[in-house]
Amino acid sequence: MLIAVGADDDSATARYPAQRAEVAAPPGDAIDAGTIDDIDKQLIGLTLLRRQLVLSAQQERARRGQPKIEATREAAVARRYAATLGSAGAEIAATLIRFCRREN
């Protein structure tokens, strides 16, 4: 089974082509807890990296006298998650955005 990952609803896909991909899900008997744990570790690592990048961008915008938060960009992120993952995607995006805004 192929699972589409990513969404085509904004220009981010053009800037980051790897964002849109088709992932082959392993057959049911090939899935184990270790594989899921490995994916969770990757998600956590990517989330922490995303937060570092967001905080750096916020500091740079503040240094230039601009608002730290880009509401338009955050809304686009939420739409992309919702378009791909449905209402749960919107919840994930909201949580991710809140988490990445904070240093602690």
N, C-alpha and C. Protein backbone atom coordinates (compact mmCIF):
# COMPACT_ATOMS: atom_id res chain seq x y z
N MET A 1 0.84 -1.17 0.00
CA MET A 1 0.00 0.00 0.00
C MET A 1 0.89 1.23 0.00
N LEU A 2 0.55 2.24 -0.82
CA LEU A 2 1.29 3.49 -0.86
C LEU A 2 0.53 4.54 -0.07
N ILE A 3 1.25 5.31 0.73
CA ILE A 3 0.67 6.38 1.52
C ILE A 3 1.24 7.69 1.02
N ALA A 4 0.38 8.61 0.62
CA ALA A 4 0.84 9.92 0.19
C ALA A 4 1.19 10.74 1.41
N VAL A 5 2.35 11.36 1.38
CA VAL A 5 2.82 12.19 2.48
C VAL A 5 3.06 13.58 1.96
N GLY A 6 2.50 14.59 2.63
CA GLY A 6 2.67 15.98 2.21
C GLY A 6 1.42 16.47 1.53
N ALA A 7 1.42 17.74 1.21
CA ALA A 7 0.27 18.36 0.55
C ALA A 7 0.76 19.35 -0.47
N ASP A 8 -0.05 19.60 -1.47
CA ASP A 8 0.33 20.49 -2.57
C ASP A 8 -0.34 21.85 -2.47
N ASP A 9 -0.77 22.27 -1.27
CA ASP A 9 -1.62 23.45 -1.18
C ASP A 9 -0.88 24.77 -1.07
N ASP A 10 0.45 24.79 -1.05
CA ASP A 10 1.14 26.07 -1.03
C ASP A 10 2.52 25.95 -1.63
N SER A 11 3.24 27.04 -1.65
CA SER A 11 4.53 27.10 -2.32
C SER A 11 5.62 26.33 -1.59
N ALA A 12 5.39 25.91 -0.36
CA ALA A 12 6.41 25.17 0.38
C ALA A 12 6.79 23.89 -0.34
N THR A 13 5.85 23.26 -1.02
CA THR A 13 6.15 22.03 -1.74
C THR A 13 7.16 22.29 -2.84
N ALA A 14 7.03 23.44 -3.52
CA ALA A 14 7.98 23.78 -4.57
C ALA A 14 9.37 24.02 -3.98
N ARG A 15 9.43 24.66 -2.81
CA ARG A 15 10.72 24.92 -2.18
C ARG A 15 11.33 23.67 -1.59
N TYR A 16 10.51 22.76 -1.11
CA TYR A 16 10.98 21.55 -0.45
C TYR A 16 10.33 20.33 -1.11
N PRO A 17 10.81 19.95 -2.29
CA PRO A 17 10.15 18.87 -3.03
C PRO A 17 10.06 17.56 -2.28
N ALA A 18 10.98 17.29 -1.36
CA ALA A 18 10.92 16.03 -0.62
C ALA A 18 9.74 16.00 0.33
N GLN A 19 9.09 17.13 0.52
CA GLN A 19 7.94 17.19 1.41
C GLN A 19 6.79 16.34 0.87
N ARG A 20 6.69 16.22 -0.43
CA ARG A 20 5.63 15.43 -1.06
C ARG A 20 6.24 14.12 -1.52
N ALA A 21 5.79 13.04 -0.95
CA ALA A 21 6.36 11.74 -1.30
C ALA A 21 5.31 10.66 -1.12
N GLU A 22 5.57 9.54 -1.72
CA GLU A 22 4.73 8.38 -1.50
C GLU A 22 5.58 7.37 -0.75
N VAL A 23 5.07 6.91 0.35
CA VAL A 23 5.80 5.99 1.21
C VAL A 23 5.13 4.63 1.13
N ALA A 24 5.94 3.62 0.88
CA ALA A 24 5.40 2.27 0.84
C ALA A 24 5.30 1.74 2.26
N ALA A 25 4.09 1.47 2.69
CA ALA A 25 3.89 0.90 4.02
C ALA A 25 4.26 -0.57 3.97
N PRO A 26 4.99 -1.04 4.98
CA PRO A 26 5.35 -2.47 4.98
C PRO A 26 4.11 -3.32 5.18
N PRO A 27 4.15 -4.56 4.72
CA PRO A 27 3.01 -5.44 4.96
C PRO A 27 2.79 -5.63 6.45
N GLY A 28 1.57 -5.92 6.83
CA GLY A 28 1.19 -6.02 8.24
C GLY A 28 2.10 -6.89 9.08
N ASP A 29 2.58 -7.99 8.53
CA ASP A 29 3.42 -8.89 9.32
C ASP A 29 4.85 -8.37 9.47
N ALA A 30 5.22 -7.31 8.73
CA ALA A 30 6.57 -6.75 8.82
C ALA A 30 6.64 -5.59 9.81
N ILE A 31 5.50 -5.19 10.35
CA ILE A 31 5.47 -4.07 11.29
C ILE A 31 5.69 -4.61 12.69
N ASP A 32 6.63 -4.00 13.41
CA ASP A 32 6.84 -4.40 14.80
C ASP A 32 7.01 -3.14 15.65
N ALA A 33 7.03 -3.34 16.94
CA ALA A 33 7.15 -2.21 17.86
C ALA A 33 8.46 -1.46 17.66
N GLY A 34 9.51 -2.15 17.31
CA GLY A 34 10.81 -1.50 17.08
C GLY A 34 10.76 -0.51 15.94
N THR A 35 10.06 -0.87 14.87
CA THR A 35 9.92 0.03 13.73
C THR A 35 9.15 1.28 14.13
N ILE A 36 8.08 1.09 14.86
CA ILE A 36 7.28 2.23 15.32
C ILE A 36 8.09 3.10 16.27
N ASP A 37 8.86 2.46 17.17
CA ASP A 37 9.71 3.21 18.09
C ASP A 37 10.75 4.04 17.32
N ASP A 38 11.32 3.46 16.27
CA ASP A 38 12.30 4.17 15.45
C ASP A 38 11.66 5.41 14.80
N ILE A 39 10.46 5.25 14.30
CA ILE A 39 9.75 6.38 13.70
C ILE A 39 9.47 7.45 14.74
N ASP A 40 9.06 7.03 15.94
CA ASP A 40 8.82 7.99 17.03
C ASP A 40 10.09 8.77 17.36
N LYS A 41 11.24 8.10 17.41
CA LYS A 41 12.51 8.78 17.68
C LYS A 41 12.80 9.82 16.60
N GLN A 42 12.55 9.45 15.35
CA GLN A 42 12.77 10.40 14.25
C GLN A 42 11.84 11.60 14.36
N LEU A 43 10.58 11.34 14.68
CA LEU A 43 9.62 12.43 14.83
C LEU A 43 10.02 13.38 15.96
N ILE A 44 10.47 12.82 17.07
CA ILE A 44 10.92 13.65 18.19
C ILE A 44 12.13 14.48 17.79
N GLY A 45 13.09 13.86 17.14
CA GLY A 45 14.28 14.58 16.68
C GLY A 45 13.93 15.70 15.71
N LEU A 46 13.05 15.42 14.77
CA LEU A 46 12.63 16.44 13.81
C LEU A 46 11.85 17.56 14.49
N THR A 47 11.06 17.21 15.49
CA THR A 47 10.30 18.23 16.22
C THR A 47 11.25 19.16 16.97
N LEU A 48 12.27 18.60 17.61
CA LEU A 48 13.24 19.43 18.32
C LEU A 48 14.03 20.30 17.35
N LEU A 49 14.39 19.75 16.21
CA LEU A 49 15.08 20.54 15.18
C LEU A 49 14.19 21.67 14.69
N ARG A 50 12.92 21.37 14.45
CA ARG A 50 11.97 22.40 14.00
C ARG A 50 11.89 23.53 15.02
N ARG A 51 11.83 23.16 16.31
CA ARG A 51 11.74 24.18 17.34
C ARG A 51 13.00 25.06 17.33
N GLN A 52 14.17 24.47 17.20
CA GLN A 52 15.41 25.27 17.14
C GLN A 52 15.36 26.25 15.98
N LEU A 53 14.90 25.80 14.83
CA LEU A 53 14.82 26.67 13.65
C LEU A 53 13.81 27.78 13.85
N VAL A 54 12.66 27.45 14.43
CA VAL A 54 11.63 28.46 14.69
C VAL A 54 12.14 29.51 15.66
N LEU A 55 12.77 29.07 16.75
CA LEU A 55 13.27 30.02 17.73
C LEU A 55 14.35 30.92 17.14
N SER A 56 15.21 30.36 16.29
CA SER A 56 16.23 31.17 15.61
C SER A 56 15.59 32.20 14.70
N ALA A 57 14.57 31.78 13.95
CA ALA A 57 13.87 32.70 13.06
C ALA A 57 13.17 33.81 13.87
N GLN A 58 12.58 33.43 15.01
CA GLN A 58 11.93 34.43 15.86
C GLN A 58 12.95 35.45 16.36
N GLN A 59 14.11 34.99 16.80
CA GLN A 59 15.16 35.89 17.28
C GLN A 59 15.61 36.83 16.17
N GLU A 60 15.75 36.32 14.98
CA GLU A 60 16.18 37.15 13.85
C GLU A 60 15.13 38.20 13.51
N ARG A 61 13.85 37.80 13.50
CA ARG A 61 12.79 38.77 13.23
C ARG A 61 12.75 39.84 14.32
N ALA A 62 12.90 39.44 15.58
CA ALA A 62 12.90 40.41 16.69
C ALA A 62 14.09 41.37 16.55
N ARG A 63 15.23 40.85 16.14
CA ARG A 63 16.42 41.68 15.95
C ARG A 63 16.17 42.76 14.90
N ARG A 64 15.37 42.41 13.88
CA ARG A 64 15.04 43.36 12.82
C ARG A 64 13.84 44.23 13.16
N GLY A 65 13.30 44.05 14.37
CA GLY A 65 12.15 44.86 14.80
C GLY A 65 10.82 44.39 14.23
N GLN A 66 10.78 43.15 13.77
CA GLN A 66 9.56 42.57 13.22
C GLN A 66 8.88 41.71 14.28
N PRO A 67 7.59 41.44 14.10
CA PRO A 67 6.91 40.53 15.04
C PRO A 67 7.59 39.16 15.04
N LYS A 68 7.70 38.56 16.21
CA LYS A 68 8.35 37.25 16.32
C LYS A 68 7.54 36.15 15.64
N ILE A 69 6.22 36.29 15.65
CA ILE A 69 5.34 35.25 15.12
C ILE A 69 4.78 35.68 13.78
N GLU A 70 4.83 34.77 12.81
CA GLU A 70 4.24 35.00 11.49
C GLU A 70 2.93 34.21 11.41
N ALA A 71 1.84 34.88 11.74
CA ALA A 71 0.53 34.21 11.79
C ALA A 71 0.14 33.63 10.44
N THR A 72 0.46 34.32 9.36
CA THR A 72 0.11 33.82 8.02
C THR A 72 0.84 32.51 7.73
N ARG A 73 2.09 32.45 8.09
CA ARG A 73 2.87 31.23 7.86
C ARG A 73 2.34 30.09 8.73
N GLU A 74 2.04 30.40 9.99
CA GLU A 74 1.51 29.36 10.88
C GLU A 74 0.18 28.83 10.37
N ALA A 75 -0.65 29.71 9.83
CA ALA A 75 -1.93 29.27 9.27
C ALA A 75 -1.72 28.35 8.07
N ALA A 76 -0.71 28.66 7.26
CA ALA A 76 -0.40 27.81 6.10
C ALA A 76 0.07 26.43 6.56
N VAL A 77 0.87 26.40 7.61
CA VAL A 77 1.33 25.12 8.17
C VAL A 77 0.13 24.30 8.64
N ALA A 78 -0.78 24.95 9.37
CA ALA A 78 -1.96 24.25 9.88
C ALA A 78 -2.82 23.72 8.72
N ARG A 79 -2.98 24.51 7.67
CA ARG A 79 -3.76 24.05 6.50
C ARG A 79 -3.10 22.84 5.85
N ARG A 80 -1.78 22.86 5.75
CA ARG A 80 -1.06 21.75 5.13
C ARG A 80 -1.26 20.47 5.93
N TYR A 81 -1.14 20.56 7.25
CA TYR A 81 -1.36 19.38 8.10
C TYR A 81 -2.79 18.89 7.99
N ALA A 82 -3.75 19.82 8.03
CA ALA A 82 -5.16 19.44 7.95
C ALA A 82 -5.48 18.81 6.59
N ALA A 83 -4.90 19.35 5.53
CA ALA A 83 -5.16 18.82 4.19
C ALA A 83 -4.65 17.39 4.05
N THR A 84 -3.56 17.08 4.74
CA THR A 84 -2.98 15.75 4.63
C THR A 84 -3.56 14.77 5.64
N LEU A 85 -3.80 15.26 6.88
CA LEU A 85 -4.16 14.36 7.98
C LEU A 85 -5.57 14.57 8.52
N GLY A 86 -6.32 15.49 7.94
CA GLY A 86 -7.68 15.74 8.40
C GLY A 86 -7.70 16.55 9.69
N SER A 87 -8.81 16.43 10.44
CA SER A 87 -8.96 17.24 11.65
C SER A 87 -7.88 16.93 12.68
N ALA A 88 -7.44 15.69 12.74
CA ALA A 88 -6.34 15.36 13.66
C ALA A 88 -5.07 16.10 13.25
N GLY A 89 -4.88 16.29 11.96
CA GLY A 89 -3.72 17.04 11.47
C GLY A 89 -3.74 18.48 11.94
N ALA A 90 -4.93 19.07 11.96
CA ALA A 90 -5.06 20.44 12.46
C ALA A 90 -4.67 20.51 13.93
N GLU A 91 -5.06 19.50 14.71
CA GLU A 91 -4.69 19.45 16.13
C GLU A 91 -3.19 19.25 16.31
N ILE A 92 -2.62 18.39 15.49
CA ILE A 92 -1.17 18.16 15.55
C ILE A 92 -0.43 19.46 15.23
N ALA A 93 -0.87 20.14 14.18
CA ALA A 93 -0.22 21.40 13.79
C ALA A 93 -0.32 22.44 14.89
N ALA A 94 -1.48 22.56 15.51
CA ALA A 94 -1.65 23.54 16.59
C ALA A 94 -0.70 23.24 17.76
N THR A 95 -0.59 21.98 18.10
CA THR A 95 0.31 21.58 19.19
C THR A 95 1.76 21.83 18.81
N LEU A 96 2.12 21.46 17.60
CA LEU A 96 3.49 21.65 17.12
C LEU A 96 3.86 23.14 17.10
N ILE A 97 2.96 23.96 16.62
CA ILE A 97 3.21 25.40 16.57
C ILE A 97 3.40 25.96 17.97
N ARG A 98 2.52 25.58 18.90
CA ARG A 98 2.66 26.05 20.29
C ARG A 98 3.99 25.60 20.89
N PHE A 99 4.34 24.34 20.68
CA PHE A 99 5.58 23.80 21.21
C PHE A 99 6.79 24.54 20.65
N CYS A 100 6.78 24.81 19.37
CA CYS A 100 7.95 25.42 18.73
C CYS A 100 8.09 26.91 19.06
N ARG A 101 7.06 27.54 19.54
CA ARG A 101 7.15 28.96 19.92
C ARG A 101 7.91 29.15 21.22
N ARG A 102 7.99 28.13 22.05
CA ARG A 102 8.57 28.25 23.39
C ARG A 102 9.97 27.65 23.45
N GLU A 103 10.76 28.24 24.33
CA GLU A 103 12.12 27.71 24.54
C GLU A 103 12.11 26.55 25.54
N ASN A 104 11.15 26.52 26.44
CA ASN A 104 11.12 25.46 27.46
C ASN A 104 9.93 24.57 27.25
